[in-house]
PDB file of N, CA and C in Angstrom:
ATOM      1  N   MET A   1      -1.035 -26.902   3.723  1.00  0.00           N
ATOM      2  CA  MET A   1      -1.662 -26.114   2.686  1.00  0.00           C
ATOM      3  C   MET A   1      -1.977 -24.698   3.184  1.00  0.00           C
ATOM      4  N   VAL A   2      -2.389 -24.606   4.447  1.00  0.00           N
ATOM      5  CA  VAL A   2      -2.732 -23.301   4.991  1.00  0.00           C
ATOM      6  C   VAL A   2      -1.485 -22.430   5.112  1.00  0.00           C
ATOM      7  N   ARG A   3      -0.361 -23.016   5.519  1.00  0.00           N
ATOM      8  CA  ARG A   3       0.871 -22.240   5.614  1.00  0.00           C
ATOM      9  C   ARG A   3       1.305 -21.740   4.241  1.00  0.00           C
ATOM     10  N   PHE A   4       1.110 -22.565   3.217  1.00  0.00           N
ATOM     11  CA  PHE A   4       1.442 -22.125   1.856  1.00  0.00           C
ATOM     12  C   PHE A   4       0.596 -20.924   1.466  1.00  0.00           C
ATOM     13  N   MET A   5      -0.673 -20.947   1.805  1.00  0.00           N
ATOM     14  CA  MET A   5      -1.551 -19.833   1.465  1.00  0.00           C
ATOM     15  C   MET A   5      -1.167 -18.580   2.256  1.00  0.00           C
ATOM     16  N   ASP A   6      -0.737 -18.748   3.516  1.00  0.00           N
ATOM     17  CA  ASP A   6      -0.285 -17.596   4.291  1.00  0.00           C
ATOM     18  C   ASP A   6       0.963 -16.982   3.673  1.00  0.00           C
ATOM     19  N   TRP A   7       1.887 -17.834   3.266  1.00  0.00           N
ATOM     20  CA  TRP A   7       3.105 -17.307   2.645  1.00  0.00           C
ATOM     21  C   TRP A   7       2.812 -16.689   1.281  1.00  0.00           C
ATOM     22  N   SER A   8       1.781 -17.172   0.594  1.00  0.00           N
ATOM     23  CA  SER A   8       1.428 -16.558  -0.689  1.00  0.00           C
ATOM     24  C   SER A   8       0.856 -15.152  -0.476  1.00  0.00           C
ATOM     25  N   VAL A   9       0.163 -14.921   0.643  1.00  0.00           N
ATOM     26  CA  VAL A   9      -0.312 -13.573   0.964  1.00  0.00           C
ATOM     27  C   VAL A   9       0.879 -12.648   1.228  1.00  0.00           C
ATOM     28  N   VAL A  10       1.880 -13.151   1.951  1.00  0.00           N
ATOM     29  CA  VAL A  10       3.087 -12.369   2.208  1.00  0.00           C
ATOM     30  C   VAL A  10       3.799 -12.061   0.894  1.00  0.00           C
ATOM     31  N   THR A  11       3.863 -13.030   0.009  1.00  0.00           N
ATOM     32  CA  THR A  11       4.503 -12.823  -1.288  1.00  0.00           C
ATOM     33  C   THR A  11       3.764 -11.767  -2.102  1.00  0.00           C
ATOM     34  N   MET A  12       2.446 -11.814  -2.087  1.00  0.00           N
ATOM     35  CA  MET A  12       1.675 -10.809  -2.816  1.00  0.00           C
ATOM     36  C   MET A  12       1.879  -9.422  -2.217  1.00  0.00           C
ATOM     37  N   GLY A  13       2.015  -9.332  -0.906  1.00  0.00           N
ATOM     38  CA  GLY A  13       2.321  -8.048  -0.275  1.00  0.00           C
ATOM     39  C   GLY A  13       3.678  -7.532  -0.719  1.00  0.00           C
ATOM     40  N   CYS A  14       4.662  -8.414  -0.795  1.00  0.00           N
ATOM     41  CA  CYS A  14       5.990  -8.013  -1.263  1.00  0.00           C
ATOM     42  C   CYS A  14       5.940  -7.547  -2.711  1.00  0.00           C
ATOM     43  N   VAL A  15       5.156  -8.212  -3.536  1.00  0.00           N
ATOM     44  CA  VAL A  15       5.010  -7.812  -4.932  1.00  0.00           C
ATOM     45  C   VAL A  15       4.377  -6.423  -5.026  1.00  0.00           C
ATOM     46  N   LEU A  16       3.359  -6.158  -4.198  1.00  0.00           N
ATOM     47  CA  LEU A  16       2.735  -4.841  -4.206  1.00  0.00           C
ATOM     48  C   LEU A  16       3.713  -3.751  -3.770  1.00  0.00           C
ATOM     49  N   VAL A  17       4.503  -4.029  -2.743  1.00  0.00           N
ATOM     50  CA  VAL A  17       5.477  -3.044  -2.274  1.00  0.00           C
ATOM     51  C   VAL A  17       6.522  -2.783  -3.358  1.00  0.00           C
ATOM     52  N   LEU A  18       7.046  -3.841  -3.958  1.00  0.00           N
ATOM     53  CA  LEU A  18       8.050  -3.668  -5.009  1.00  0.00           C
ATOM     54  C   LEU A  18       7.475  -2.965  -6.237  1.00  0.00           C
ATOM     55  N   ALA A  19       6.232  -3.284  -6.589  1.00  0.00           N
ATOM     56  CA  ALA A  19       5.603  -2.625  -7.733  1.00  0.00           C
ATOM     57  C   ALA A  19       5.392  -1.141  -7.449  1.00  0.00           C
ATOM     58  N   SER A  20       5.007  -0.812  -6.236  1.00  0.00           N
ATOM     59  CA  SER A  20       4.814   0.589  -5.879  1.00  0.00           C
ATOM     60  C   SER A  20       6.136   1.359  -5.930  1.00  0.00           C
ATOM     61  N   LEU A  21       7.171   0.778  -5.349  1.00  0.00           N
ATOM     62  CA  LEU A  21       8.478   1.441  -5.384  1.00  0.00           C
ATOM     63  C   LEU A  21       9.009   1.542  -6.807  1.00  0.00           C
ATOM     64  N   GLY A  22       8.783   0.503  -7.608  1.00  0.00           N
ATOM     65  CA  GLY A  22       9.213   0.540  -9.007  1.00  0.00           C
ATOM     66  C   GLY A  22       8.471   1.587  -9.814  1.00  0.00           C
ATOM     67  N   SER A  23       7.176   1.744  -9.570  1.00  0.00           N
ATOM     68  CA  SER A  23       6.419   2.746 -10.318  1.00  0.00           C
ATOM     69  C   SER A  23       6.832   4.159  -9.920  1.00  0.00           C
ATOM     70  N   ARG A  24       7.152   4.363  -8.641  1.00  0.00           N
ATOM     71  CA  ARG A  24       7.632   5.687  -8.218  1.00  0.00           C
ATOM     72  C   ARG A  24       8.978   5.991  -8.869  1.00  0.00           C
ATOM     73  N   TRP A  25       9.854   5.006  -8.920  1.00  0.00           N
ATOM     74  CA  TRP A  25      11.150   5.191  -9.566  1.00  0.00           C
ATOM     75  C   TRP A  25      10.958   5.473 -11.047  1.00  0.00           C
ATOM     76  N   TRP A  26      10.057   4.736 -11.701  1.00  0.00           N
ATOM     77  CA  TRP A  26       9.817   4.891 -13.128  1.00  0.00           C
ATOM     78  C   TRP A  26       9.290   6.291 -13.437  1.00  0.00           C
ATOM     79  N   GLU A  27       8.403   6.820 -12.590  1.00  0.00           N
ATOM     80  CA  GLU A  27       7.887   8.166 -12.812  1.00  0.00           C
ATOM     81  C   GLU A  27       8.984   9.212 -12.682  1.00  0.00           C
ATOM     82  N   ARG A  28       9.886   9.005 -11.732  1.00  0.00           N
ATOM     83  CA  ARG A  28      10.986   9.962 -11.568  1.00  0.00           C
ATOM     84  C   ARG A  28      11.936   9.924 -12.763  1.00  0.00           C
ATOM     85  N   VAL A  29      12.164   8.769 -13.326  1.00  0.00           N
ATOM     86  CA  VAL A  29      13.048   8.651 -14.482  1.00  0.00           C
ATOM     87  C   VAL A  29      12.387   9.249 -15.720  1.00  0.00           C
ATOM     88  N   LYS A  30      11.095   9.025 -15.878  1.00  0.00           N
ATOM     89  CA  LYS A  30      10.392   9.485 -17.069  1.00  0.00           C
ATOM     90  C   LYS A  30      10.088  10.979 -17.045  1.00  0.00           C
ATOM     91  N   ALA A  31      10.127  11.625 -15.875  1.00  0.00           N
ATOM     92  CA  ALA A  31       9.800  13.056 -15.792  1.00  0.00           C
ATOM     93  C   ALA A  31      10.887  13.866 -16.488  1.00  0.00           C
ATOM     94  N   PRO A  32      10.495  14.857 -17.275  1.00  0.00           N
ATOM     95  CA  PRO A  32      11.480  15.716 -17.934  1.00  0.00           C
ATOM     96  C   PRO A  32      12.292  16.493 -16.902  1.00  0.00           C
ATOM     97  N   LYS A  33      13.509  16.815 -17.250  1.00  0.00           N
ATOM     98  CA  LYS A  33      14.389  17.553 -16.348  1.00  0.00           C
ATOM     99  C   LYS A  33      13.815  18.940 -16.066  1.00  0.00           C
ATOM    100  N   GLY A  34      13.859  19.325 -14.807  1.00  0.00           N
ATOM    101  CA  GLY A  34      13.385  20.638 -14.420  1.00  0.00           C
ATOM    102  C   GLY A  34      11.892  20.730 -14.209  1.00  0.00           C
ATOM    103  N   GLN A  35      11.149  19.667 -14.481  1.00  0.00           N
ATOM    104  CA  GLN A  35       9.703  19.691 -14.300  1.00  0.00           C
ATOM    105  C   GLN A  35       9.346  18.793 -13.128  1.00  0.00           C
ATOM    106  N   GLY A  36       8.571  19.314 -12.201  1.00  0.00           N
ATOM    107  CA  GLY A  36       8.161  18.539 -11.034  1.00  0.00           C
ATOM    108  C   GLY A  36       7.119  17.490 -11.405  1.00  0.00           C
ATOM    109  N   LEU A  37       7.049  16.472 -10.585  1.00  0.00           N
ATOM    110  CA  LEU A  37       6.060  15.433 -10.818  1.00  0.00           C
ATOM    111  C   LEU A  37       4.664  15.923 -10.451  1.00  0.00           C
ATOM    112  N   ASP A  38       3.663  15.421 -11.142  1.00  0.00           N
ATOM    113  CA  ASP A  38       2.283  15.755 -10.828  1.00  0.00           C
ATOM    114  C   ASP A  38       1.921  15.126  -9.487  1.00  0.00           C
ATOM    115  N   GLN A  39       1.553  15.961  -8.523  1.00  0.00           N
ATOM    116  CA  GLN A  39       1.265  15.458  -7.186  1.00  0.00           C
ATOM    117  C   GLN A  39      -0.217  15.167  -6.991  1.00  0.00           C
ATOM    118  N   GLY A  40      -0.991  15.155  -8.037  1.00  0.00           N
ATOM    119  CA  GLY A  40      -2.422  14.916  -7.921  1.00  0.00           C
ATOM    120  C   GLY A  40      -2.742  13.456  -7.711  1.00  0.00           C
ATOM    121  N   MET A  41      -3.224  12.816  -8.754  1.00  0.00           N
ATOM    122  CA  MET A  41      -3.657  11.427  -8.675  1.00  0.00           C
ATOM    123  C   MET A  41      -2.485  10.484  -8.477  1.00  0.00           C
ATOM    124  N   ARG A  42      -1.331  10.813  -8.974  1.00  0.00           N
ATOM    125  CA  ARG A  42      -0.182   9.914  -8.858  1.00  0.00           C
ATOM    126  C   ARG A  42       0.223   9.700  -7.410  1.00  0.00           C
ATOM    127  N   PHE A  43       0.022  10.699  -6.557  1.00  0.00           N
ATOM    128  CA  PHE A  43       0.341  10.559  -5.142  1.00  0.00           C
ATOM    129  C   PHE A  43      -0.468   9.429  -4.529  1.00  0.00           C
ATOM    130  N   PHE A  44      -1.761   9.415  -4.809  1.00  0.00           N
ATOM    131  CA  PHE A  44      -2.614   8.376  -4.241  1.00  0.00           C
ATOM    132  C   PHE A  44      -2.292   7.011  -4.820  1.00  0.00           C
ATOM    133  N   TRP A  45      -2.064   6.954  -6.127  1.00  0.00           N
ATOM    134  CA  TRP A  45      -1.786   5.674  -6.769  1.00  0.00           C
ATOM    135  C   TRP A  45      -0.423   5.122  -6.366  1.00  0.00           C
ATOM    136  N   ALA A  46       0.480   5.968  -5.899  1.00  0.00           N
ATOM    137  CA  ALA A  46       1.782   5.486  -5.444  1.00  0.00           C
ATOM    138  C   ALA A  46       1.704   4.934  -4.026  1.00  0.00           C
ATOM    139  N   TRP A  47       0.930   5.578  -3.169  1.00  0.00           N
ATOM    140  CA  TRP A  47       0.885   5.160  -1.772  1.00  0.00           C
ATOM    141  C   TRP A  47      -0.097   4.029  -1.511  1.00  0.00           C
ATOM    142  N   LEU A  48      -1.152   3.931  -2.287  1.00  0.00           N
ATOM    143  CA  LEU A  48      -2.171   2.911  -2.035  1.00  0.00           C
ATOM    144  C   LEU A  48      -1.627   1.489  -2.107  1.00  0.00           C
ATOM    145  N   PRO A  49      -0.905   1.087  -3.176  1.00  0.00           N
ATOM    146  CA  PRO A  49      -0.373  -0.283  -3.187  1.00  0.00           C
ATOM    147  C   PRO A  49       0.728  -0.500  -2.153  1.00  0.00           C
ATOM    148  N   LEU A  50       1.506   0.538  -1.865  1.00  0.00           N
ATOM    149  CA  LEU A  50       2.570   0.400  -0.875  1.00  0.00           C
ATOM    150  C   LEU A  50       1.995   0.092   0.500  1.00  0.00           C
ATOM    151  N   LEU A  51       1.020   0.861   0.926  1.00  0.00           N
ATOM    152  CA  LEU A  51       0.425   0.631   2.244  1.00  0.00           C
ATOM    153  C   LEU A  51      -0.389  -0.661   2.297  1.00  0.00           C
ATOM    154  N   THR A  52      -1.045  -1.005   1.204  1.00  0.00           N
ATOM    155  CA  THR A  52      -1.785  -2.264   1.165  1.00  0.00           C
ATOM    156  C   THR A  52      -0.834  -3.451   1.263  1.00  0.00           C
ATOM    157  N   GLY A  53       0.270  -3.388   0.549  1.00  0.00           N
ATOM    158  CA  GLY A  53       1.258  -4.464   0.622  1.00  0.00           C
ATOM    159  C   GLY A  53       1.873  -4.588   2.006  1.00  0.00           C
ATOM    160  N   LEU A  54       2.183  -3.449   2.627  1.00  0.00           N
ATOM    161  CA  LEU A  54       2.726  -3.494   3.986  1.00  0.00           C
ATOM    162  C   LEU A  54       1.714  -4.066   4.964  1.00  0.00           C
ATOM    163  N   GLY A  55       0.446  -3.742   4.770  1.00  0.00           N
ATOM    164  CA  GLY A  55      -0.603  -4.310   5.624  1.00  0.00           C
ATOM    165  C   GLY A  55      -0.727  -5.813   5.452  1.00  0.00           C
ATOM    166  N   MET A  56      -0.622  -6.288   4.218  1.00  0.00           N
ATOM    167  CA  MET A  56      -0.695  -7.737   3.971  1.00  0.00           C
ATOM    168  C   MET A  56       0.485  -8.453   4.621  1.00  0.00           C
ATOM    169  N   ILE A  57       1.660  -7.864   4.520  1.00  0.00           N
ATOM    170  CA  ILE A  57       2.846  -8.474   5.115  1.00  0.00           C
ATOM    171  C   ILE A  57       2.726  -8.482   6.635  1.00  0.00           C
ATOM    172  N   ALA A  58       2.328  -7.347   7.207  1.00  0.00           N
ATOM    173  CA  ALA A  58       2.249  -7.237   8.663  1.00  0.00           C
ATOM    174  C   ALA A  58       1.164  -8.119   9.255  1.00  0.00           C
ATOM    175  N   ALA A  59       0.144  -8.444   8.474  1.00  0.00           N
ATOM    176  CA  ALA A  59      -0.933  -9.276   8.995  1.00  0.00           C
ATOM    177  C   ALA A  59      -0.507 -10.725   9.180  1.00  0.00           C
ATOM    178  N   LYS A  60       0.388 -11.212   8.360  1.00  0.00           N
ATOM    179  CA  LYS A  60       0.713 -12.638   8.371  1.00  0.00           C
ATOM    180  C   LYS A  60       2.069 -12.992   8.963  1.00  0.00           C
ATOM    181  N   VAL A  61       3.066 -12.137   8.807  1.00  0.00           N
ATOM    182  CA  VAL A  61       4.435 -12.505   9.182  1.00  0.00           C
ATOM    183  C   VAL A  61       4.600 -12.813  10.672  1.00  0.00           C
ATOM    184  N   PRO A  62       4.066 -12.013  11.599  1.00  0.00           N
ATOM    185  CA  PRO A  62       4.287 -12.348  13.011  1.00  0.00           C
ATOM    186  C   PRO A  62       3.722 -13.713  13.398  1.00  0.00           C
ATOM    187  N   GLY A  63       2.578 -14.060  12.872  1.00  0.00           N
ATOM    188  CA  GLY A  63       2.006 -15.374  13.168  1.00  0.00           C
ATOM    189  C   GLY A  63       2.807 -16.507  12.546  1.00  0.00           C
ATOM    190  N   LEU A  64       3.312 -16.278  11.350  1.00  0.00           N
ATOM    191  CA  LEU A  64       4.104 -17.316  10.690  1.00  0.00           C
ATOM    192  C   LEU A  64       5.451 -17.527  11.364  1.00  0.00           C
ATOM    193  N   LEU A  65       5.985 -16.469  11.954  1.00  0.00           N
ATOM    194  CA  LEU A  65       7.276 -16.584  12.634  1.00  0.00           C
ATOM    195  C   LEU A  65       7.127 -16.939  14.113  1.00  0.00           C
ATOM    196  N   ARG A  66       5.889 -17.181  14.537  1.00  0.00           N
ATOM    197  CA  ARG A  66       5.585 -17.553  15.917  1.00  0.00           C
ATOM    198  C   ARG A  66       6.111 -16.519  16.915  1.00  0.00           C
ATOM    199  N   ALA A  67       5.799 -15.266  16.642  1.00  0.00           N
ATOM    200  CA  ALA A  67       6.219 -14.168  17.505  1.00  0.00           C
ATOM    201  C   ALA A  67       5.411 -14.196  18.803  1.00  0.00           C
ATOM    202  N   PRO A  68       5.951 -13.602  19.869  1.00  0.00           N
ATOM    203  CA  PRO A  68       5.204 -13.530  21.130  1.00  0.00           C
ATOM    204  C   PRO A  68       3.899 -12.747  20.964  1.00  0.00           C
ATOM    205  N   TYR A  69       2.983 -12.971  21.874  1.00  0.00           N
ATOM    206  CA  TYR A  69       1.657 -12.380  21.794  1.00  0.00           C
ATOM    207  C   TYR A  69       1.716 -10.855  21.779  1.00  0.00           C
ATOM    208  N   THR A  70       2.581 -10.268  22.582  1.00  0.00           N
ATOM    209  CA  THR A  70       2.651  -8.799  22.617  1.00  0.00           C
ATOM    210  C   THR A  70       3.116  -8.224  21.285  1.00  0.00           C
ATOM    211  N   VAL A  71       4.039  -8.904  20.632  1.00  0.00           N
ATOM    212  CA  VAL A  71       4.505  -8.444  19.313  1.00  0.00           C
ATOM    213  C   VAL A  71       3.371  -8.523  18.301  1.00  0.00           C
ATOM    214  N   VAL A  72       2.619  -9.615  18.348  1.00  0.00           N
ATOM    215  CA  VAL A  72       1.493  -9.777  17.423  1.00  0.00           C
ATOM    216  C   VAL A  72       0.458  -8.676  17.665  1.00  0.00           C
ATOM    217  N   GLU A  73       0.177  -8.354  18.914  1.00  0.00           N
ATOM    218  CA  GLU A  73      -0.794  -7.308  19.225  1.00  0.00           C
ATOM    219  C   GLU A  73      -0.313  -5.930  18.773  1.00  0.00           C
ATOM    220  N   ILE A  74       0.953  -5.640  18.954  1.00  0.00           N
ATOM    221  CA  ILE A  74       1.494  -4.347  18.510  1.00  0.00           C
ATOM    222  C   ILE A  74       1.424  -4.236  16.992  1.00  0.00           C
ATOM    223  N   VAL A  75       1.795  -5.297  16.308  1.00  0.00           N
ATOM    224  CA  VAL A  75       1.748  -5.279  14.845  1.00  0.00           C
ATOM    225  C   VAL A  75       0.309  -5.194  14.357  1.00  0.00           C
ATOM    226  N   ASP A  76      -0.630  -5.848  15.049  1.00  0.00           N
ATOM    227  CA  ASP A  76      -2.038  -5.731  14.671  1.00  0.00           C
ATOM    228  C   ASP A  76      -2.553  -4.309  14.852  1.00  0.00           C
ATOM    229  N   ALA A  77      -2.125  -3.640  15.918  1.00  0.00           N
ATOM    230  CA  ALA A  77      -2.537  -2.247  16.121  1.00  0.00           C
ATOM    231  C   ALA A  77      -1.976  -1.351  15.014  1.00  0.00           C
ATOM    232  N   LEU A  78      -0.714  -1.550  14.659  1.00  0.00           N
ATOM    233  CA  LEU A  78      -0.127  -0.772  13.560  1.00  0.00           C
ATOM    234  C   LEU A  78      -0.802  -1.099  12.231  1.00  0.00           C
ATOM    235  N   ASN A  79      -1.182  -2.350  12.056  1.00  0.00           N
ATOM    236  CA  ASN A  79      -1.875  -2.753  10.841  1.00  0.00           C
ATOM    237  C   ASN A  79      -3.260  -2.103  10.773  1.00  0.00           C
ATOM    238  N   PHE A  80      -3.913  -1.948  11.918  1.00  0.00           N
ATOM    239  CA  PHE A  80      -5.206  -1.261  11.942  1.00  0.00           C
ATOM    240  C   PHE A  80      -5.049   0.203  11.533  1.00  0.00           C
ATOM    241  N   VAL A  81      -4.017   0.855  12.035  1.00  0.00           N
ATOM    242  CA  VAL A  81      -3.754   2.248  11.658  1.00  0.00           C
ATOM    243  C   VAL A  81      -3.476   2.343  10.159  1.00  0.00           C
ATOM    244  N   THR A  82      -2.715   1.398   9.633  1.00  0.00           N
ATOM    245  CA  THR A  82      -2.437   1.378   8.192  1.00  0.00           C
ATOM    246  C   THR A  82      -3.720   1.172   7.393  1.00  0.00           C
ATOM    247  N   ALA A  83      -4.605   0.314   7.878  1.00  0.00           N
ATOM    248  CA  ALA A  83      -5.873   0.082   7.186  1.00  0.00           C
ATOM    249  C   ALA A  83      -6.735   1.336   7.175  1.00  0.00           C
ATOM    250  N   VAL A  84      -6.739   2.093   8.264  1.00  0.00           N
ATOM    251  CA  VAL A  84      -7.502   3.338   8.309  1.00  0.00           C
ATOM    252  C   VAL A  84      -6.916   4.348   7.327  1.00  0.00           C
ATOM    253  N   VAL A  85      -5.597   4.426   7.261  1.00  0.00           N
ATOM    254  CA  VAL A  85      -4.954   5.349   6.318  1.00  0.00           C
ATOM    255  C   VAL A  85      -5.289   4.955   4.874  1.00  0.00           C
ATOM    256  N   VAL A  86      -5.257   3.655   4.567  1.00  0.00           N
ATOM    257  CA  VAL A  86      -5.608   3.194   3.217  1.00  0.00           C
ATOM    258  C   VAL A  86      -7.063   3.521   2.916  1.00  0.00           C
ATOM    259  N   LEU A  87      -7.948   3.376   3.888  1.00  0.00           N
ATOM    260  CA  LEU A  87      -9.351   3.714   3.683  1.00  0.00           C
ATOM    261  C   LEU A  87      -9.521   5.204   3.397  1.00  0.00           C
ATOM    262  N   VAL A  88      -8.821   6.049   4.136  1.00  0.00           N
ATOM    263  CA  VAL A  88      -8.899   7.491   3.903  1.00  0.00           C
ATOM    264  C   VAL A  88      -8.364   7.839   2.521  1.00  0.00           C
ATOM    265  N   ILE A  89      -7.251   7.240   2.137  1.00  0.00           N
ATOM    266  CA  ILE A  89      -6.681   7.505   0.810  1.00  0.00           C
ATOM    267  C   ILE A  89      -7.640   7.035  -0.283  1.00  0.00           C
ATOM    268  N   ALA A  90      -8.262   5.876  -0.105  1.00  0.00           N
ATOM    269  CA  ALA A  90      -9.190   5.364  -1.113  1.00  0.00           C
ATOM    270  C   ALA A  90     -10.422   6.256  -1.228  1.00  0.00           C
ATOM    271  N   VAL A  91     -10.932   6.745  -0.114  1.00  0.00           N
ATOM    272  CA  VAL A  91     -12.096   7.638  -0.155  1.00  0.00           C
ATOM    273  C   VAL A  91     -11.736   8.958  -0.841  1.00  0.00           C
ATOM    274  N   ARG A  92     -10.573   9.512  -0.509  1.00  0.00           N
ATOM    275  CA  ARG A  92     -10.155  10.756  -1.157  1.00  0.00           C
ATOM    276  C   ARG A  92      -9.936  10.549  -2.650  1.00  0.00           C
ATOM    277  N   LEU A  93      -9.374   9.413  -3.021  1.00  0.00           N
ATOM    278  CA  LEU A  93      -9.163   9.115  -4.434  1.00  0.00           C
ATOM    279  C   LEU A  93     -10.495   8.962  -5.156  1.00  0.00           C
ATOM    280  N   GLY A  94     -11.434   8.275  -4.522  1.00  0.00           N
ATOM    281  CA  GLY A  94     -12.756   8.116  -5.123  1.00  0.00           C
ATOM    282  C   GLY A  94     -13.471   9.441  -5.297  1.00  0.00           C
ATOM    283  N   ARG A  95     -13.399  10.296  -4.283  1.00  0.00           N
ATOM    284  CA  ARG A  95     -14.021  11.612  -4.394  1.00  0.00           C
ATOM    285  C   ARG A  95     -13.397  12.422  -5.513  1.00  0.00           C
ATOM    286  N   ARG A  96     -12.076  12.342  -5.639  1.00  0.00           N
ATOM    287  CA  ARG A  96     -11.394  13.106  -6.681  1.00  0.00           C
ATOM    288  C   ARG A  96     -11.761  12.584  -8.071  1.00  0.00           C
ATOM    289  N   VAL A  97     -11.851  11.268  -8.217  1.00  0.00           N
ATOM    290  CA  VAL A  97     -12.194  10.688  -9.527  1.00  0.00           C
ATOM    291  C   VAL A  97     -13.616  11.056  -9.913  1.00  0.00           C
ATOM    292  N   PHE A  98     -14.562  10.922  -8.976  1.00  0.00           N
ATOM    293  CA  PHE A  98     -15.952  11.213  -9.319  1.00  0.00           C
ATOM    294  C   PHE A  98     -16.197  12.704  -9.488  1.00  0.00           C
ATOM    295  N   ARG A  99     -15.449  13.544  -8.773  1.00  0.00           N
ATOM    296  CA  ARG A  99     -15.592  14.984  -8.926  1.00  0.00           C
ATOM    297  C   ARG A  99     -15.136  15.416 -10.313  1.00  0.00           C
ATOM    298  N   THR A 100     -14.040  14.848 -10.805  1.00  0.00           N
ATOM    299  CA  THR A 100     -13.553  15.239 -12.132  1.00  0.00           C
ATOM    300  C   THR A 100     -14.470  14.719 -13.222  1.00  0.00           C
ATOM    301  N   ARG A 101     -15.144  13.616 -13.009  1.00  0.00           N
ATOM    302  CA  ARG A 101     -16.062  13.089 -14.028  1.00  0.00           C
ATOM    303  C   ARG A 101     -17.331  13.925 -14.129  1.00  0.00           C
ATOM    304  N   THR A 102     -17.809  14.462 -13.025  1.00  0.00           N
ATOM    305  CA  THR A 102     -19.037  15.230 -13.086  1.00  0.00           C
ATOM    306  C   THR A 102     -18.813  16.636 -13.612  1.00  0.00           C
ATOM    307  N   ILE A 103     -17.627  17.197 -13.431  1.00  0.00           N
ATOM    308  CA  ILE A 103     -17.357  18.565 -13.884  1.00  0.00           C
ATOM    309  C   ILE A 103     -17.175  18.603 -15.391  1.00  0.00           C
ATOM    310  N   THR A 104     -16.457  17.647 -15.953  1.00  0.00           N
ATOM    311  CA  THR A 104     -16.196  17.692 -17.395  1.00  0.00           C
ATOM    312  C   THR A 104     -17.220  16.996 -18.202  1.00  0.00           C
TER     313      THR A 104
END
């Protein structure tokens, strides 16, 4: 049962990555010709699920594949860096959302 739950976390990470890539593709298709994409809030909303999904995948896959200890430690260190980046993006997104609400 525990292995099933671990693989379900990996599956949810894959869904987040695919949804993020799909939404970026959809925005590029929907943008009018000659007009650049809005790099404001959409930038954060595109990267947040992608990095979160990659973090979920990286947290579980090495253990499920019985990787050597050094590989698990390297992936955990990279996962920590990804978590810090997601935290910074979330804080910047929160500041931007609350700043726009107080001004208008």
